[in-house]
Structure formats: structure tokens, C-alpha cells
């Protein structure tokens, strides 16, 4: 049964698993992912983990399965900007799901 309370560690593990599926310059463990570091490059070109749009789609599918939640089809990019943003989104969606049940 999925864990109803998402943790930063769980989200980081999912990100690291998706990261490892694509050819990359180096391996990445979940412990190396900073909770506030941007996951993908924004228009301003600031430093990031370097995830691509396909990675984000895969991460979204993994999150849905892991936490038994449905992510909105139209997500604002800022909602998935960092691990903390992802955890906040999951918590909000799970709360809405519980209230709607």
C-alpha cells in the first residue's frame, strides 16, 4: 500500500531512479539531491539538476504510483521546481483527495 505521507527522501529516491534510466555524464544518488536545488533548467539558465521534460513526465508517473494520487494535467512549472515544491504539491493533492472522499 502506498505511503500516504510523502517525504523528501521518497521524492529524491524517485528522482534518482528516473535520473539513472537515461544516459548521463555521472551517476546520482538520492542523498546528493538538495531539497532546494532546481530540478530543471529555467529560462534564465540558472544552475539546476538538469532534468529534461521527459524526465519530469516520468517522475510525475512514478509519484502518482508511489502515492496513489493523480497529478493535474496542467501543472505550473514552479510546482515541480524543487524537491520541496514537489512534496508540497503532493501533500496538497493528498489532502484534497482525502477531503473529497
C-alpha atoms as a PDB file:
ATOM      1  CA  UNK A   1       0.000   0.000   0.000  1.00  0.00           C
ATOM      2  CA  UNK A   2       1.375   3.455  -0.866  1.00  0.00           C
ATOM      3  CA  UNK A   3       2.660   5.641   1.948  1.00  0.00           C
ATOM      4  CA  UNK A   4       0.077   8.408   2.446  1.00  0.00           C
ATOM      5  CA  UNK A   5       2.635  10.979   3.647  1.00  0.00           C
ATOM      6  CA  UNK A   6       5.278  11.930   1.082  1.00  0.00           C
ATOM      7  CA  UNK A   7       8.762  12.615   2.364  1.00  0.00           C
ATOM      8  CA  UNK A   8      11.611  14.461   0.724  1.00  0.00           C
ATOM      9  CA  UNK A   9      13.642  11.245   0.816  1.00  0.00           C
ATOM     10  CA  UNK A  10      10.982   9.335  -1.124  1.00  0.00           C
ATOM     11  CA  UNK A  11      10.753  12.072  -3.746  1.00  0.00           C
ATOM     12  CA  UNK A  12      14.550  12.220  -4.034  1.00  0.00           C
ATOM     13  CA  UNK A  13      14.699   8.435  -4.482  1.00  0.00           C
ATOM     14  CA  UNK A  14      12.182   8.624  -7.332  1.00  0.00           C
ATOM     15  CA  UNK A  15      14.143  11.445  -8.977  1.00  0.00           C
ATOM     16  CA  UNK A  16      17.411   9.487  -8.660  1.00  0.00           C
ATOM     17  CA  UNK A  17      15.770   6.377 -10.166  1.00  0.00           C
ATOM     18  CA  UNK A  18      14.488   8.340 -13.165  1.00  0.00           C
ATOM     19  CA  UNK A  19      17.885  10.020 -13.489  1.00  0.00           C
ATOM     20  CA  UNK A  20      19.597   6.618 -13.679  1.00  0.00           C
ATOM     21  CA  UNK A  21      17.405   5.412 -16.572  1.00  0.00           C
ATOM     22  CA  UNK A  22      18.792   7.941 -19.051  1.00  0.00           C
ATOM     23  CA  UNK A  23      22.393   8.148 -20.202  1.00  0.00           C
ATOM     24  CA  UNK A  24      24.109  10.784 -18.070  1.00  0.00           C
ATOM     25  CA  UNK A  25      27.635  12.003 -17.500  1.00  0.00           C
ATOM     26  CA  UNK A  26      27.576  10.644 -13.959  1.00  0.00           C
ATOM     27  CA  UNK A  27      25.535   8.624 -11.501  1.00  0.00           C
ATOM     28  CA  UNK A  28      23.377  10.363  -8.930  1.00  0.00           C
ATOM     29  CA  UNK A  29      22.239   9.081  -5.550  1.00  0.00           C
ATOM     30  CA  UNK A  30      19.219  10.469  -3.767  1.00  0.00           C
ATOM     31  CA  UNK A  31      21.495  11.731  -0.971  1.00  0.00           C
ATOM     32  CA  UNK A  32      23.172  14.121  -3.436  1.00  0.00           C
ATOM     33  CA  UNK A  33      19.926  15.913  -4.313  1.00  0.00           C
ATOM     34  CA  UNK A  34      19.468  19.129  -2.368  1.00  0.00           C
ATOM     35  CA  UNK A  35      15.834  19.791  -1.470  1.00  0.00           C
ATOM     36  CA  UNK A  36      16.002  23.401  -2.678  1.00  0.00           C
ATOM     37  CA  UNK A  37      18.135  22.929  -5.819  1.00  0.00           C
ATOM     38  CA  UNK A  38      16.201  23.455  -9.083  1.00  0.00           C
ATOM     39  CA  UNK A  39      15.360  20.167 -10.808  1.00  0.00           C
ATOM     40  CA  UNK A  40      15.371  21.510 -14.353  1.00  0.00           C
ATOM     41  CA  UNK A  41      16.802  24.483 -16.161  1.00  0.00           C
ATOM     42  CA  UNK A  42      14.544  27.511 -16.286  1.00  0.00           C
ATOM     43  CA  UNK A  43      14.545  30.153 -18.975  1.00  0.00           C
ATOM     44  CA  UNK A  44      17.071  32.208 -17.022  1.00  0.00           C
ATOM     45  CA  UNK A  45      19.712  29.475 -17.475  1.00  0.00           C
ATOM     46  CA  UNK A  46      20.464  29.198 -13.739  1.00  0.00           C
ATOM     47  CA  UNK A  47      22.192  26.067 -12.442  1.00  0.00           C
ATOM     48  CA  UNK A  48      19.972  23.029 -11.964  1.00  0.00           C
ATOM     49  CA  UNK A  49      19.983  19.256 -11.677  1.00  0.00           C
ATOM     50  CA  UNK A  50      19.453  19.214 -15.439  1.00  0.00           C
ATOM     51  CA  UNK A  51      16.304  17.141 -15.736  1.00  0.00           C
ATOM     52  CA  UNK A  52      14.505  17.369 -19.051  1.00  0.00           C
ATOM     53  CA  UNK A  53      10.789  17.490 -19.796  1.00  0.00           C
ATOM     54  CA  UNK A  54      10.626  13.726 -20.397  1.00  0.00           C
ATOM     55  CA  UNK A  55      12.291  13.153 -17.018  1.00  0.00           C
ATOM     56  CA  UNK A  56       9.652  15.325 -15.376  1.00  0.00           C
ATOM     57  CA  UNK A  57       6.868  13.303 -17.041  1.00  0.00           C
ATOM     58  CA  UNK A  58       8.427  10.050 -15.795  1.00  0.00           C
ATOM     59  CA  UNK A  59       8.857  11.477 -12.306  1.00  0.00           C
ATOM     60  CA  UNK A  60       5.202  12.515 -12.329  1.00  0.00           C
ATOM     61  CA  UNK A  61       4.091   8.988 -13.271  1.00  0.00           C
ATOM     62  CA  UNK A  62       6.290   7.484 -10.543  1.00  0.00           C
ATOM     63  CA  UNK A  63       4.903   9.932  -7.973  1.00  0.00           C
ATOM     64  CA  UNK A  64       1.331   9.062  -8.924  1.00  0.00           C
ATOM     65  CA  UNK A  65       2.033   5.376  -8.461  1.00  0.00           C
ATOM     66  CA  UNK A  66       4.029   5.752  -5.252  1.00  0.00           C
ATOM     67  CA  UNK A  67       1.496   7.995  -3.509  1.00  0.00           C
ATOM     68  CA  UNK A  68      -1.759   6.883  -5.167  1.00  0.00           C
ATOM     69  CA  UNK A  69      -2.516  10.399  -6.315  1.00  0.00           C
ATOM     70  CA  UNK A  70      -3.397  11.942  -9.674  1.00  0.00           C
ATOM     71  CA  UNK A  71      -1.309  14.934 -10.691  1.00  0.00           C
ATOM     72  CA  UNK A  72      -3.120  17.673 -12.608  1.00  0.00           C
ATOM     73  CA  UNK A  73      -2.533  17.507 -16.349  1.00  0.00           C
ATOM     74  CA  UNK A  74      -1.733  21.223 -16.408  1.00  0.00           C
ATOM     75  CA  UNK A  75       0.921  21.736 -13.751  1.00  0.00           C
ATOM     76  CA  UNK A  76       2.613  25.061 -13.282  1.00  0.00           C
ATOM     77  CA  UNK A  77       6.370  24.535 -13.738  1.00  0.00           C
ATOM     78  CA  UNK A  78       7.002  26.267 -10.415  1.00  0.00           C
ATOM     79  CA  UNK A  79       5.102  23.470  -8.628  1.00  0.00           C
ATOM     80  CA  UNK A  80       7.784  20.967  -9.632  1.00  0.00           C
ATOM     81  CA  UNK A  81      10.765  23.309  -9.413  1.00  0.00           C
ATOM     82  CA  UNK A  82      12.470  21.720  -6.375  1.00  0.00           C
ATOM     83  CA  UNK A  83      12.017  18.660  -4.176  1.00  0.00           C
ATOM     84  CA  UNK A  84      10.328  20.854  -1.558  1.00  0.00           C
ATOM     85  CA  UNK A  85       7.869  22.119  -4.193  1.00  0.00           C
ATOM     86  CA  UNK A  86       7.080  18.534  -5.242  1.00  0.00           C
ATOM     87  CA  UNK A  87       6.486  17.421  -1.642  1.00  0.00           C
ATOM     88  CA  UNK A  88       4.238  20.450  -1.050  1.00  0.00           C
ATOM     89  CA  UNK A  89       2.224  19.676  -4.175  1.00  0.00           C
ATOM     90  CA  UNK A  90       1.820  16.031  -3.141  1.00  0.00           C
ATOM     91  CA  UNK A  91       0.712  16.996   0.354  1.00  0.00           C
ATOM     92  CA  UNK A  92      -1.860  19.428  -1.070  1.00  0.00           C
ATOM     93  CA  UNK A  93      -3.214  16.898  -3.569  1.00  0.00           C
ATOM     94  CA  UNK A  94      -3.443  14.144  -0.950  1.00  0.00           C
ATOM     95  CA  UNK A  95      -5.297  16.494   1.409  1.00  0.00           C
ATOM     96  CA  UNK A  96      -7.733  17.462  -1.372  1.00  0.00           C
ATOM     97  CA  UNK A  97      -8.201  13.780  -2.176  1.00  0.00           C
ATOM     98  CA  UNK A  98      -8.973  12.950   1.479  1.00  0.00           C
ATOM     99  CA  UNK A  99     -11.446  15.842   1.736  1.00  0.00           C
ATOM    100  CA  UNK A 100     -13.192  14.729  -1.451  1.00  0.00           C
ATOM    101  CA  UNK A 101     -13.577  11.129  -0.292  1.00  0.00           C
END
